Structure formats: structure tokens, C-alpha cells
Amino acid sequence: MNADLTLSRNARARGASPRSARRQAGQGMTEYIIVVALIAVAAIGVYTLFGQTIRNQTAGLALEVSGQTASTAIGNAQTNANTASTNANTRKGLDNYDAGNR
């Protein structure tokens, strides 16, 4: 409430109405939400591409910390990394976009 009062005073000093000052504050929040949404979409994309590799590496790490052998999990991580590399080097177009999808 105090911030709204200060914002309203500053807006009046510039000749703007308190209502337009609230709109400007809302505009800043909207821009912030858009940036956060874009970051979330990028994170989802990265996790989609590298998710299996990351999960297998994390599983291998957990197995090693618990004193077990992690050779299977490490092998799975290497296999998934090689698959991701192969898929990244494949040209995708409208004619073959769904080829090789899981």
C-alpha cells in the first residue's frame, strides 16, 4: 500500500494520474512474467533433448555414492548421449519431422 502511495505521488508529480501509474506497474509485471515463461520454455526444451542422459548420469552418481557399481547407468548415459548427437546432426524438415521420434 505504501509503495502504491509513493508511486501515485510520483505519477502526480509528473502530471500522470494514479490510475496510469498502476497500469505502468502492471506492465512491468507482465514483462517479467513473459521473460520467466520464455526461460521455462527454453528449460523444457533443453530437458527434452538431454533428459535421458541427465537422468542416467544422476542415477550413476547415486549408485556410486551408495557404494554400488554404476557401469550400467554410465553405459546408458553414453548410449543416450550418442543418440542425441546423431539426432542433432539429422536434418529436420516438414517431410521427415516425425522420423525417429520416440
Protein backbone atom coordinates (compact mmCIF):
# COMPACT_ATOMS: atom_id res chain seq x y z
CA MET A 1 0.00 0.00 0.00
CA ASN A 2 2.83 2.40 0.89
CA ALA A 3 4.56 1.67 -2.43
CA ASP A 4 1.30 2.41 -4.26
CA LEU A 5 1.03 5.74 -2.42
CA THR A 6 4.62 6.67 -3.34
CA LEU A 7 4.02 5.58 -6.92
CA SER A 8 0.87 7.67 -7.06
CA ARG A 9 2.71 10.74 -5.69
CA ASN A 10 5.49 10.32 -8.24
CA ALA A 11 2.94 9.91 -11.01
CA ARG A 12 1.11 13.06 -9.94
CA ALA A 13 4.39 14.98 -9.84
CA ARG A 14 4.93 14.02 -13.49
CA GLY A 15 1.39 15.00 -14.32
CA ALA A 16 0.05 11.46 -14.66
CA SER A 17 -2.98 10.07 -12.89
CA PRO A 18 -2.64 7.40 -10.16
CA ARG A 19 -4.53 5.03 -12.42
CA SER A 20 -1.91 5.24 -15.20
CA ALA A 21 0.85 4.70 -12.62
CA ARG A 22 -0.79 1.43 -11.60
CA ARG A 23 -1.02 0.42 -15.26
CA GLN A 24 2.71 1.02 -15.69
CA ALA A 25 3.47 -1.15 -12.65
CA GLY A 26 1.24 -3.85 -14.13
CA GLN A 27 3.09 -3.56 -17.44
CA GLY A 28 6.41 -4.27 -15.70
CA MET A 29 4.94 -7.35 -14.04
CA THR A 30 3.58 -8.58 -17.37
CA GLU A 31 7.01 -8.22 -18.98
CA TYR A 32 8.56 -10.12 -16.07
CA ILE A 33 6.04 -12.96 -16.49
CA ILE A 34 6.78 -13.15 -20.24
CA VAL A 35 10.54 -13.41 -19.58
CA VAL A 36 10.00 -16.14 -16.96
CA ALA A 37 7.75 -18.04 -19.38
CA LEU A 38 10.39 -17.88 -22.12
CA ILE A 39 13.05 -19.19 -19.74
CA ALA A 40 10.72 -22.02 -18.70
CA VAL A 41 10.09 -22.98 -22.34
CA ALA A 42 13.84 -22.99 -23.02
CA ALA A 43 14.46 -25.17 -19.95
CA ILE A 44 11.79 -27.62 -21.06
CA GLY A 45 13.40 -27.81 -24.50
CA VAL A 46 16.86 -28.48 -23.06
CA TYR A 47 15.50 -31.11 -20.69
CA THR A 48 13.64 -32.77 -23.57
CA LEU A 49 16.85 -33.02 -25.60
CA PHE A 50 19.16 -34.12 -22.78
CA GLY A 51 16.72 -35.58 -20.23
CA GLN A 52 17.61 -39.25 -20.57
CA THR A 53 21.33 -38.54 -20.46
CA ILE A 54 20.96 -36.37 -17.36
CA ARG A 55 18.74 -38.95 -15.62
CA ASN A 56 21.23 -41.76 -16.34
CA GLN A 57 24.18 -39.68 -15.15
CA THR A 58 22.31 -38.79 -11.96
CA ALA A 59 21.44 -42.47 -11.44
CA GLY A 60 25.10 -43.42 -11.93
CA LEU A 61 26.19 -40.78 -9.44
CA ALA A 62 23.65 -42.01 -6.87
CA LEU A 63 24.77 -45.62 -7.35
CA GLU A 64 28.44 -44.72 -6.93
CA VAL A 65 27.75 -42.68 -3.79
CA SER A 66 25.84 -45.61 -2.30
CA GLY A 67 28.83 -47.89 -2.95
CA GLN A 68 27.37 -49.84 -5.87
CA THR A 69 28.72 -50.16 -9.38
CA ALA A 70 27.26 -47.73 -11.88
CA SER A 71 28.65 -49.19 -15.09
CA THR A 72 25.16 -49.92 -16.47
CA ALA A 73 23.88 -46.40 -15.77
CA ILE A 74 27.07 -44.88 -17.21
CA GLY A 75 26.71 -47.05 -20.33
CA ASN A 76 23.09 -45.96 -20.70
CA ALA A 77 24.13 -42.32 -20.38
CA GLN A 78 26.77 -42.78 -23.09
CA THR A 79 24.29 -44.51 -25.39
CA ASN A 80 21.70 -41.76 -24.92
CA ALA A 81 24.35 -39.07 -25.49
CA ASN A 82 25.37 -40.73 -28.75
CA THR A 83 21.72 -40.97 -29.82
CA ALA A 84 21.20 -37.29 -29.01
CA SER A 85 24.29 -36.40 -31.03
CA THR A 86 23.07 -38.42 -34.01
CA ASN A 87 19.61 -36.85 -33.84
CA ALA A 88 21.12 -33.37 -33.59
CA ASN A 89 23.05 -33.92 -36.82
CA THR A 90 19.96 -35.11 -38.74
CA ARG A 91 18.25 -32.54 -40.94
CA LYS A 92 14.65 -31.98 -39.92
CA GLY A 93 12.08 -30.65 -42.33
CA LEU A 94 8.36 -30.97 -42.84
CA ASP A 95 8.89 -34.12 -44.89
CA ASN A 96 10.70 -36.06 -42.11
CA TYR A 97 9.88 -34.15 -38.94
CA ASP A 98 8.40 -37.13 -37.07
CA ALA A 99 11.07 -39.61 -38.20
CA GLY A 100 13.00 -41.06 -35.28
CA ASN A 101 10.79 -39.60 -32.57
CA ARG A 102 10.19 -41.71 -29.51
